[in-house]
């Protein structure tokens, strides 16, 4: 089974701001996992398992799903952590985020299995952009200080959904969210 992450893709200018912070964090901690694996800043809204033979079906379902999703705004107001091992940029959980997460799962779960221990299911999902992972307590403080270079609040307009194949991380498809048109790159 292959794990696929369905994520909100950020505009280039926001990606540059967050990537700069990820690089600063990696420089002070020595942990370069995100950079070495070329993982761009993103907000995962769902993770699913699929056999390789069913990949096209999954991608088509996500493409069809994205055609009916409107772009939305997200505001990041701070950083937070998962047990001081993962440092992340925390968005306010708003209607846009909650709706796309919930509706994605309604569409995909009848056909595909949840992945990542169900952490992305609507009732337990915690939206975030990982800035550093695999930290220990000593490195966490340094990482958080380095991440302070991001000027907050950071307001972002999101109009793309991306599908990534995990392990190794690779973008498979990108779809536009739009009232005016829908398309795939």
N, C-alpha and C. Protein backbone atom coordinates (compact mmCIF):
# COMPACT_ATOMS: atom_id res chain seq x y z
N UNK A 1 0.84 -1.19 0.00
CA UNK A 1 0.00 0.00 0.00
C UNK A 1 0.88 1.25 0.00
N UNK A 2 0.46 2.22 -0.75
CA UNK A 2 1.17 3.50 -0.84
C UNK A 2 0.35 4.53 -0.07
N UNK A 3 1.04 5.42 0.64
CA UNK A 3 0.35 6.50 1.34
C UNK A 3 0.36 7.74 0.44
N UNK A 4 -0.82 8.34 0.31
CA UNK A 4 -0.98 9.57 -0.45
C UNK A 4 -1.47 10.66 0.49
N UNK A 5 -0.82 11.80 0.47
CA UNK A 5 -1.24 12.96 1.25
C UNK A 5 -1.93 13.95 0.32
N UNK A 6 -3.09 14.41 0.73
CA UNK A 6 -3.82 15.44 -0.01
C UNK A 6 -3.65 16.72 0.79
N UNK A 7 -3.05 17.71 0.17
CA UNK A 7 -2.64 18.90 0.92
C UNK A 7 -2.99 20.18 0.20
N UNK A 8 -3.18 21.21 0.99
CA UNK A 8 -3.36 22.55 0.45
C UNK A 8 -1.98 23.07 0.07
N UNK A 9 -1.86 23.51 -1.16
CA UNK A 9 -0.60 24.02 -1.68
C UNK A 9 -0.59 25.54 -1.53
N UNK A 10 0.50 26.08 -1.02
CA UNK A 10 0.59 27.51 -0.73
C UNK A 10 1.12 28.29 -1.93
N UNK A 11 0.75 29.56 -2.04
CA UNK A 11 1.30 30.41 -3.10
C UNK A 11 2.83 30.52 -2.96
N UNK A 12 3.50 30.75 -4.10
CA UNK A 12 4.96 30.78 -4.12
C UNK A 12 5.57 31.76 -3.11
N UNK A 13 4.98 32.96 -2.99
CA UNK A 13 5.58 33.95 -2.08
C UNK A 13 5.49 33.50 -0.62
N UNK A 14 4.45 32.79 -0.26
CA UNK A 14 4.31 32.27 1.11
C UNK A 14 5.23 31.07 1.31
N UNK A 15 5.32 30.24 0.28
CA UNK A 15 6.24 29.09 0.34
C UNK A 15 7.66 29.57 0.59
N UNK A 16 8.06 30.66 -0.06
CA UNK A 16 9.41 31.20 0.13
C UNK A 16 9.63 31.67 1.57
N UNK A 17 8.66 32.35 2.14
CA UNK A 17 8.76 32.83 3.54
C UNK A 17 8.93 31.65 4.49
N UNK A 18 8.09 30.65 4.33
CA UNK A 18 8.12 29.51 5.25
C UNK A 18 9.36 28.65 5.01
N UNK A 19 9.75 28.48 3.76
CA UNK A 19 10.96 27.70 3.46
C UNK A 19 12.19 28.38 4.06
N UNK A 20 12.23 29.69 4.05
CA UNK A 20 13.33 30.42 4.67
C UNK A 20 13.41 30.10 6.17
N UNK A 21 12.27 30.06 6.81
CA UNK A 21 12.23 29.72 8.24
C UNK A 21 12.65 28.27 8.47
N UNK A 22 12.22 27.36 7.59
CA UNK A 22 12.61 25.95 7.71
C UNK A 22 14.13 25.82 7.58
N UNK A 23 14.72 26.57 6.66
CA UNK A 23 16.18 26.55 6.50
C UNK A 23 16.87 27.10 7.75
N UNK A 24 16.34 28.18 8.31
CA UNK A 24 16.92 28.76 9.53
C UNK A 24 16.84 27.76 10.69
N UNK A 25 15.73 27.09 10.80
CA UNK A 25 15.57 26.08 11.85
C UNK A 25 16.56 24.93 11.64
N UNK A 26 16.68 24.48 10.40
CA UNK A 26 17.62 23.39 10.09
C UNK A 26 19.06 23.81 10.40
N UNK A 27 19.39 25.07 10.13
CA UNK A 27 20.74 25.56 10.40
C UNK A 27 21.08 25.53 11.89
N UNK A 28 20.11 25.89 12.74
CA UNK A 28 20.41 25.92 14.18
C UNK A 28 20.27 24.56 14.85
N UNK A 29 19.50 23.65 14.25
CA UNK A 29 19.29 22.34 14.88
C UNK A 29 20.13 21.23 14.25
N UNK A 30 20.54 21.44 12.99
CA UNK A 30 21.25 20.38 12.28
C UNK A 30 20.32 19.30 11.73
N UNK A 31 19.03 19.44 11.97
CA UNK A 31 18.07 18.45 11.47
C UNK A 31 17.50 18.97 10.16
N UNK A 32 17.85 18.28 9.08
CA UNK A 32 17.54 18.75 7.74
C UNK A 32 16.54 17.84 7.01
N UNK A 33 15.77 17.07 7.76
CA UNK A 33 14.85 16.09 7.17
C UNK A 33 13.92 16.71 6.13
N UNK A 34 13.29 17.81 6.45
CA UNK A 34 12.34 18.45 5.53
C UNK A 34 13.04 18.92 4.26
N UNK A 35 14.21 19.52 4.42
CA UNK A 35 14.96 20.01 3.26
C UNK A 35 15.52 18.87 2.42
N UNK A 36 16.09 17.87 3.07
CA UNK A 36 16.68 16.75 2.34
C UNK A 36 15.64 15.97 1.56
N UNK A 37 14.42 15.91 2.09
CA UNK A 37 13.36 15.18 1.41
C UNK A 37 12.53 16.06 0.49
N UNK A 38 12.97 17.32 0.35
CA UNK A 38 12.33 18.28 -0.56
C UNK A 38 10.82 18.38 -0.33
N UNK A 39 10.43 18.48 0.94
CA UNK A 39 9.02 18.59 1.30
C UNK A 39 8.65 20.06 1.38
N UNK A 40 7.81 20.53 0.48
CA UNK A 40 7.43 21.95 0.51
C UNK A 40 6.45 22.23 1.64
N UNK A 41 6.37 23.47 2.09
CA UNK A 41 5.36 23.82 3.09
C UNK A 41 3.97 23.52 2.53
N UNK A 42 3.13 22.90 3.34
CA UNK A 42 1.79 22.52 2.92
C UNK A 42 0.95 22.22 4.16
N UNK A 43 -0.36 22.20 3.97
CA UNK A 43 -1.29 21.80 5.03
C UNK A 43 -1.98 20.53 4.55
N UNK A 44 -1.67 19.42 5.16
CA UNK A 44 -2.30 18.16 4.77
C UNK A 44 -3.73 18.12 5.30
N UNK A 45 -4.67 17.84 4.40
CA UNK A 45 -6.08 17.76 4.78
C UNK A 45 -6.59 16.32 4.77
N UNK A 46 -5.77 15.40 4.31
CA UNK A 46 -6.15 14.00 4.32
C UNK A 46 -4.99 13.12 3.90
N UNK A 47 -4.95 11.90 4.44
CA UNK A 47 -3.93 10.92 4.06
C UNK A 47 -4.63 9.58 3.88
N UNK A 48 -4.32 8.92 2.76
CA UNK A 48 -5.03 7.70 2.39
C UNK A 48 -4.06 6.66 1.86
N UNK A 49 -4.41 5.39 2.06
CA UNK A 49 -3.65 4.27 1.50
C UNK A 49 -4.33 3.81 0.22
N UNK A 50 -3.50 3.45 -0.74
CA UNK A 50 -4.01 2.91 -1.99
C UNK A 50 -2.98 1.94 -2.56
N UNK A 51 -3.47 0.91 -3.22
CA UNK A 51 -2.58 0.06 -4.00
C UNK A 51 -2.18 0.86 -5.24
N UNK A 52 -1.00 0.62 -5.76
CA UNK A 52 -0.52 1.32 -6.95
C UNK A 52 -1.52 1.19 -8.10
N UNK A 53 -2.15 0.02 -8.23
CA UNK A 53 -3.09 -0.21 -9.32
C UNK A 53 -4.33 0.68 -9.22
N UNK A 54 -4.61 1.22 -8.02
CA UNK A 54 -5.78 2.08 -7.82
C UNK A 54 -5.44 3.57 -7.78
N UNK A 55 -4.18 3.90 -8.06
CA UNK A 55 -3.74 5.29 -7.99
C UNK A 55 -4.56 6.19 -8.91
N UNK A 56 -4.79 5.78 -10.14
CA UNK A 56 -5.54 6.63 -11.09
C UNK A 56 -6.95 6.90 -10.59
N UNK A 57 -7.58 5.90 -10.00
CA UNK A 57 -8.92 6.09 -9.45
C UNK A 57 -8.90 7.12 -8.33
N UNK A 58 -7.93 7.00 -7.43
CA UNK A 58 -7.80 7.96 -6.32
C UNK A 58 -7.57 9.37 -6.86
N UNK A 59 -6.66 9.50 -7.80
CA UNK A 59 -6.35 10.82 -8.36
C UNK A 59 -7.57 11.42 -9.06
N UNK A 60 -8.32 10.60 -9.77
CA UNK A 60 -9.51 11.11 -10.44
C UNK A 60 -10.54 11.57 -9.42
N UNK A 61 -10.70 10.82 -8.33
CA UNK A 61 -11.64 11.23 -7.28
C UNK A 61 -11.24 12.56 -6.67
N UNK A 62 -9.94 12.76 -6.47
CA UNK A 62 -9.46 14.02 -5.89
C UNK A 62 -9.61 15.16 -6.90
N UNK A 63 -9.34 14.87 -8.15
CA UNK A 63 -9.53 15.89 -9.21
C UNK A 63 -11.00 16.31 -9.26
N UNK A 64 -11.91 15.34 -9.25
CA UNK A 64 -13.33 15.65 -9.26
C UNK A 64 -13.74 16.43 -8.01
N UNK A 65 -13.21 16.03 -6.88
CA UNK A 65 -13.48 16.72 -5.61
C UNK A 65 -13.05 18.18 -5.68
N UNK A 66 -11.85 18.41 -6.18
CA UNK A 66 -11.30 19.78 -6.21
C UNK A 66 -12.11 20.70 -7.11
N UNK A 67 -12.75 20.14 -8.13
CA UNK A 67 -13.53 20.96 -9.06
C UNK A 67 -14.71 21.64 -8.37
N UNK A 68 -15.10 21.13 -7.21
CA UNK A 68 -16.24 21.69 -6.49
C UNK A 68 -15.84 22.39 -5.19
N UNK A 69 -14.55 22.63 -5.03
CA UNK A 69 -14.07 23.31 -3.83
C UNK A 69 -13.66 24.74 -4.17
N UNK A 70 -14.07 25.66 -3.32
CA UNK A 70 -13.72 27.05 -3.53
C UNK A 70 -12.41 27.37 -2.82
N UNK A 71 -11.64 28.33 -3.36
CA UNK A 71 -10.44 28.79 -2.67
C UNK A 71 -10.83 29.38 -1.31
N UNK A 72 -9.86 29.53 -0.45
CA UNK A 72 -10.14 30.09 0.86
C UNK A 72 -8.93 30.74 1.48
N UNK A 73 -9.17 31.42 2.59
CA UNK A 73 -8.11 32.13 3.30
C UNK A 73 -7.77 31.43 4.60
N UNK A 74 -6.49 31.47 4.92
CA UNK A 74 -5.98 30.88 6.16
C UNK A 74 -5.10 31.93 6.82
N UNK A 75 -5.19 32.02 8.14
CA UNK A 75 -4.36 32.97 8.90
C UNK A 75 -3.53 32.18 9.90
N UNK A 76 -2.22 32.36 9.81
CA UNK A 76 -1.29 31.76 10.76
C UNK A 76 -0.97 32.81 11.82
N UNK A 77 -1.15 32.43 13.08
CA UNK A 77 -0.92 33.40 14.17
C UNK A 77 0.19 33.00 15.11
N UNK A 78 0.77 31.82 14.94
CA UNK A 78 1.83 31.42 15.84
C UNK A 78 2.39 30.06 15.51
N UNK A 79 3.34 29.64 16.33
CA UNK A 79 3.90 28.30 16.22
C UNK A 79 3.41 27.48 17.40
N UNK A 80 3.52 26.18 17.26
CA UNK A 80 3.12 25.26 18.32
C UNK A 80 3.94 23.99 18.11
N UNK A 81 3.65 22.97 18.91
CA UNK A 81 4.42 21.74 18.77
C UNK A 81 3.59 20.52 19.11
N UNK A 82 4.07 19.40 18.63
CA UNK A 82 3.58 18.11 19.07
C UNK A 82 4.67 17.56 20.00
N UNK A 83 4.41 17.63 21.29
CA UNK A 83 5.34 17.12 22.31
C UNK A 83 6.77 17.64 22.20
N UNK A 84 6.93 18.86 21.71
CA UNK A 84 8.22 19.49 21.50
C UNK A 84 9.17 18.65 20.65
N UNK A 85 8.58 17.78 19.81
CA UNK A 85 9.36 16.97 18.86
C UNK A 85 9.14 17.44 17.43
N UNK A 86 7.97 18.06 17.20
CA UNK A 86 7.62 18.61 15.89
C UNK A 86 7.21 20.05 16.12
N UNK A 87 7.91 20.97 15.47
CA UNK A 87 7.56 22.39 15.53
C UNK A 87 6.78 22.72 14.28
N UNK A 88 5.66 23.43 14.46
CA UNK A 88 4.85 23.75 13.29
C UNK A 88 4.26 25.14 13.37
N UNK A 89 3.91 25.63 12.20
CA UNK A 89 3.20 26.89 12.04
C UNK A 89 1.72 26.54 12.15
N UNK A 90 1.02 27.24 13.03
CA UNK A 90 -0.36 26.89 13.36
C UNK A 90 -1.34 27.88 12.73
N UNK A 91 -2.21 27.37 11.84
CA UNK A 91 -3.27 28.23 11.31
C UNK A 91 -4.48 28.22 12.23
N UNK A 92 -5.25 29.29 12.15
CA UNK A 92 -6.54 29.27 12.83
C UNK A 92 -7.41 28.26 12.08
N UNK A 93 -8.05 27.37 12.79
CA UNK A 93 -8.94 26.41 12.15
C UNK A 93 -10.25 27.14 11.85
N UNK A 94 -10.51 27.34 10.57
CA UNK A 94 -11.68 28.11 10.16
C UNK A 94 -12.62 27.25 9.31
N UNK A 95 -13.67 27.83 8.81
CA UNK A 95 -14.65 27.09 8.02
C UNK A 95 -14.04 26.52 6.75
N UNK A 96 -13.18 27.26 6.07
CA UNK A 96 -12.53 26.78 4.86
C UNK A 96 -11.77 25.49 5.14
N UNK A 97 -10.92 25.50 6.16
CA UNK A 97 -10.13 24.32 6.49
C UNK A 97 -11.01 23.15 6.92
N UNK A 98 -11.93 23.42 7.82
CA UNK A 98 -12.79 22.35 8.34
C UNK A 98 -13.63 21.72 7.23
N UNK A 99 -14.17 22.55 6.35
CA UNK A 99 -15.04 22.07 5.28
C UNK A 99 -14.27 21.19 4.30
N UNK A 100 -13.10 21.63 3.87
CA UNK A 100 -12.36 20.86 2.87
C UNK A 100 -11.88 19.54 3.47
N UNK A 101 -11.49 19.54 4.73
CA UNK A 101 -11.07 18.31 5.42
C UNK A 101 -12.24 17.33 5.53
N UNK A 102 -13.36 17.83 5.99
CA UNK A 102 -14.52 16.96 6.19
C UNK A 102 -15.05 16.41 4.87
N UNK A 103 -15.21 17.27 3.87
CA UNK A 103 -15.76 16.84 2.59
C UNK A 103 -14.82 15.88 1.85
N UNK A 104 -13.52 16.11 1.96
CA UNK A 104 -12.55 15.20 1.33
C UNK A 104 -12.72 13.78 1.89
N UNK A 105 -12.84 13.69 3.19
CA UNK A 105 -12.99 12.37 3.80
C UNK A 105 -14.33 11.72 3.44
N UNK A 106 -15.37 12.51 3.31
CA UNK A 106 -16.67 11.96 2.90
C UNK A 106 -16.58 11.34 1.51
N UNK A 107 -15.79 11.94 0.64
CA UNK A 107 -15.66 11.46 -0.73
C UNK A 107 -14.71 10.26 -0.84
N UNK A 108 -13.57 10.31 -0.15
CA UNK A 108 -12.51 9.32 -0.35
C UNK A 108 -12.66 8.07 0.52
N UNK A 109 -13.09 8.22 1.76
CA UNK A 109 -13.11 7.07 2.67
C UNK A 109 -14.01 5.91 2.24
N UNK A 110 -15.09 6.14 1.52
CA UNK A 110 -15.86 4.97 1.08
C UNK A 110 -15.07 4.04 0.15
N UNK A 111 -14.05 4.59 -0.52
CA UNK A 111 -13.28 3.81 -1.50
C UNK A 111 -11.87 3.47 -1.05
N UNK A 112 -11.28 4.31 -0.18
CA UNK A 112 -9.88 4.13 0.21
C UNK A 112 -9.73 4.17 1.73
N UNK A 113 -8.68 3.54 2.20
CA UNK A 113 -8.41 3.43 3.63
C UNK A 113 -7.68 4.66 4.15
N UNK A 114 -8.02 5.08 5.36
CA UNK A 114 -7.31 6.20 6.00
C UNK A 114 -5.87 5.77 6.27
N UNK A 115 -4.97 6.76 6.29
CA UNK A 115 -3.56 6.51 6.57
C UNK A 115 -3.14 7.35 7.77
N UNK A 116 -1.87 7.26 8.11
CA UNK A 116 -1.28 8.05 9.20
C UNK A 116 -2.06 7.91 10.50
N UNK A 117 -2.46 6.68 10.82
CA UNK A 117 -3.19 6.38 12.06
C UNK A 117 -4.47 7.20 12.23
N UNK A 118 -5.01 7.70 11.14
CA UNK A 118 -6.25 8.45 11.22
C UNK A 118 -6.09 9.87 11.76
N UNK A 119 -4.86 10.38 11.83
CA UNK A 119 -4.62 11.72 12.38
C UNK A 119 -5.28 12.84 11.58
N UNK A 120 -5.66 12.56 10.34
CA UNK A 120 -6.24 13.60 9.50
C UNK A 120 -7.77 13.51 9.42
N UNK A 121 -8.35 12.55 10.13
CA UNK A 121 -9.81 12.45 10.16
C UNK A 121 -10.40 13.72 10.78
N UNK A 122 -11.55 14.17 10.30
CA UNK A 122 -12.10 15.45 10.77
C UNK A 122 -12.20 15.60 12.29
N UNK A 123 -12.54 14.56 13.01
CA UNK A 123 -12.73 14.70 14.45
C UNK A 123 -11.42 14.81 15.23
N UNK A 124 -10.28 14.47 14.63
CA UNK A 124 -9.00 14.56 15.34
C UNK A 124 -7.97 15.43 14.63
N UNK A 125 -8.31 15.94 13.46
CA UNK A 125 -7.36 16.67 12.63
C UNK A 125 -6.92 17.98 13.26
N UNK A 126 -5.63 18.25 13.20
CA UNK A 126 -5.05 19.47 13.71
C UNK A 126 -4.22 20.07 12.58
N UNK A 127 -4.77 21.06 11.84
CA UNK A 127 -4.04 21.62 10.69
C UNK A 127 -2.73 22.27 11.12
N UNK A 128 -1.69 22.08 10.29
CA UNK A 128 -0.38 22.63 10.62
C UNK A 128 0.54 22.57 9.40
N UNK A 129 1.61 23.36 9.47
CA UNK A 129 2.71 23.27 8.51
C UNK A 129 3.95 22.95 9.32
N UNK A 130 4.53 21.79 9.08
CA UNK A 130 5.71 21.37 9.83
C UNK A 130 6.91 22.24 9.45
N UNK A 131 7.55 22.78 10.48
CA UNK A 131 8.79 23.56 10.29
C UNK A 131 10.02 22.73 10.63
N UNK A 132 9.87 21.80 11.57
CA UNK A 132 10.96 20.91 11.99
C UNK A 132 10.37 19.68 12.64
N UNK A 133 11.03 18.58 12.44
CA UNK A 133 10.60 17.33 13.03
C UNK A 133 11.81 16.61 13.62
N UNK A 134 11.55 15.62 14.45
CA UNK A 134 12.61 14.82 15.06
C UNK A 134 13.47 15.64 16.02
N UNK A 135 12.83 16.60 16.69
CA UNK A 135 13.54 17.45 17.64
C UNK A 135 13.60 16.79 19.01
N UNK A 136 14.57 17.23 19.81
CA UNK A 136 14.58 16.87 21.23
C UNK A 136 14.40 18.16 22.01
N UNK A 137 14.31 18.08 23.33
CA UNK A 137 14.05 19.28 24.13
C UNK A 137 15.11 20.35 23.95
N UNK A 138 16.36 19.97 23.84
CA UNK A 138 17.43 20.96 23.68
C UNK A 138 17.32 21.71 22.36
N UNK A 139 16.97 20.99 21.31
CA UNK A 139 16.87 21.61 20.00
C UNK A 139 15.56 22.36 19.80
N UNK A 140 14.53 21.98 20.54
CA UNK A 140 13.22 22.59 20.34
C UNK A 140 13.26 24.10 20.57
N UNK A 141 13.89 24.53 21.65
CA UNK A 141 13.94 25.96 21.96
C UNK A 141 14.66 26.73 20.85
N UNK A 142 15.78 26.20 20.36
CA UNK A 142 16.51 26.84 19.28
C UNK A 142 15.65 26.92 18.01
N UNK A 143 14.94 25.83 17.74
CA UNK A 143 14.08 25.78 16.56
C UNK A 143 12.99 26.83 16.63
N UNK A 144 12.36 26.92 17.79
CA UNK A 144 11.26 27.88 17.95
C UNK A 144 11.78 29.32 17.78
N UNK A 145 12.95 29.62 18.34
CA UNK A 145 13.53 30.96 18.18
C UNK A 145 13.83 31.26 16.72
N UNK A 146 14.37 30.29 15.99
CA UNK A 146 14.68 30.50 14.57
C UNK A 146 13.40 30.72 13.76
N UNK A 147 12.32 30.06 14.14
CA UNK A 147 11.05 30.18 13.42
C UNK A 147 10.41 31.54 13.63
N UNK A 148 10.86 32.29 14.62
CA UNK A 148 10.29 33.61 14.88
C UNK A 148 10.56 34.62 13.77
N UNK A 149 11.36 34.24 12.77
CA UNK A 149 11.60 35.15 11.64
C UNK A 149 10.36 35.32 10.78
N UNK A 150 9.39 34.44 10.91
CA UNK A 150 8.14 34.57 10.16
C UNK A 150 7.31 35.67 10.81
N UNK A 151 7.00 36.69 10.05
CA UNK A 151 6.18 37.79 10.55
C UNK A 151 4.73 37.33 10.62
N UNK A 152 4.19 37.40 11.82
CA UNK A 152 2.81 36.96 12.06
C UNK A 152 1.94 38.13 12.48
N UNK A 153 0.67 38.13 12.19
CA UNK A 153 -0.03 37.05 11.50
C UNK A 153 0.35 37.02 10.02
N UNK A 154 0.27 35.81 9.47
CA UNK A 154 0.56 35.58 8.06
C UNK A 154 -0.75 35.13 7.41
N UNK A 155 -1.28 35.98 6.54
CA UNK A 155 -2.56 35.67 5.87
C UNK A 155 -2.26 35.10 4.48
N UNK A 156 -2.95 34.00 4.16
CA UNK A 156 -2.68 33.28 2.93
C UNK A 156 -3.98 32.96 2.20
N UNK A 157 -4.00 33.23 0.91
CA UNK A 157 -5.12 32.83 0.07
C UNK A 157 -4.70 31.54 -0.64
N UNK A 158 -5.48 30.49 -0.47
CA UNK A 158 -5.13 29.18 -1.02
C UNK A 158 -6.12 28.81 -2.11
N UNK A 159 -5.55 28.47 -3.29
CA UNK A 159 -6.42 28.07 -4.39
C UNK A 159 -5.93 26.82 -5.11
N UNK A 160 -5.05 26.05 -4.44
CA UNK A 160 -4.56 24.81 -5.04
C UNK A 160 -4.54 23.68 -4.02
N UNK A 161 -4.83 22.50 -4.52
CA UNK A 161 -4.77 21.27 -3.75
C UNK A 161 -3.73 20.40 -4.44
N UNK A 162 -2.84 19.79 -3.66
CA UNK A 162 -1.82 18.93 -4.24
C UNK A 162 -1.94 17.53 -3.66
N UNK A 163 -1.56 16.54 -4.46
CA UNK A 163 -1.50 15.17 -3.99
C UNK A 163 -0.04 14.75 -4.01
N UNK A 164 0.42 14.21 -2.89
CA UNK A 164 1.80 13.77 -2.76
C UNK A 164 1.83 12.28 -2.47
N UNK A 165 2.75 11.59 -3.10
CA UNK A 165 3.03 10.20 -2.77
C UNK A 165 4.10 10.27 -1.67
N UNK A 166 3.91 9.56 -0.60
CA UNK A 166 4.82 9.62 0.54
C UNK A 166 5.83 8.47 0.50
N UNK A 167 6.98 8.71 1.06
CA UNK A 167 8.05 7.70 1.25
C UNK A 167 8.46 7.00 -0.03
N UNK A 168 9.18 7.61 -0.91
CA UNK A 168 9.70 8.97 -0.84
C UNK A 168 8.64 10.00 -1.25
N UNK A 169 8.82 11.20 -0.75
CA UNK A 169 7.88 12.28 -0.97
C UNK A 169 7.98 12.76 -2.41
N UNK A 170 6.83 12.79 -3.09
CA UNK A 170 6.82 13.20 -4.49
C UNK A 170 5.44 13.77 -4.85
N UNK A 171 5.43 14.94 -5.47
CA UNK A 171 4.16 15.50 -5.92
C UNK A 171 3.66 14.70 -7.12
N UNK A 172 2.38 14.32 -7.09
CA UNK A 172 1.78 13.52 -8.14
C UNK A 172 0.83 14.36 -8.99
N UNK A 173 0.11 15.28 -8.36
CA UNK A 173 -0.89 16.06 -9.08
C UNK A 173 -1.18 17.33 -8.31
N UNK A 174 -1.55 18.36 -9.05
CA UNK A 174 -2.00 19.60 -8.43
C UNK A 174 -3.28 20.04 -9.12
N UNK A 175 -4.27 20.45 -8.31
CA UNK A 175 -5.57 20.86 -8.83
C UNK A 175 -5.88 22.27 -8.34
N UNK A 176 -6.58 23.02 -9.16
CA UNK A 176 -7.01 24.35 -8.77
C UNK A 176 -8.35 24.29 -8.06
N UNK A 177 -8.50 25.13 -7.06
CA UNK A 177 -9.78 25.33 -6.39
C UNK A 177 -10.29 26.67 -6.91
N UNK A 178 -11.46 26.68 -7.51
CA UNK A 178 -11.91 27.93 -8.09
C UNK A 178 -13.40 27.94 -8.37
N UNK A 179 -13.99 29.10 -8.21
CA UNK A 179 -15.39 29.30 -8.58
C UNK A 179 -15.52 29.39 -10.09
N UNK A 180 -14.45 29.85 -10.75
CA UNK A 180 -14.52 30.14 -12.17
C UNK A 180 -14.17 28.96 -13.06
N UNK A 181 -13.19 28.13 -12.63
CA UNK A 181 -12.76 27.00 -13.45
C UNK A 181 -12.12 25.96 -12.53
N UNK A 182 -11.97 24.79 -13.06
CA UNK A 182 -11.25 23.72 -12.36
C UNK A 182 -10.29 23.13 -13.35
N UNK A 183 -9.13 22.76 -12.85
CA UNK A 183 -8.15 22.18 -13.76
C UNK A 183 -7.05 21.46 -13.02
N UNK A 184 -6.24 20.76 -13.75
CA UNK A 184 -5.14 20.01 -13.17
C UNK A 184 -3.87 20.37 -13.93
N UNK A 185 -2.78 20.49 -13.17
CA UNK A 185 -1.47 20.69 -13.81
C UNK A 185 -0.82 19.35 -14.01
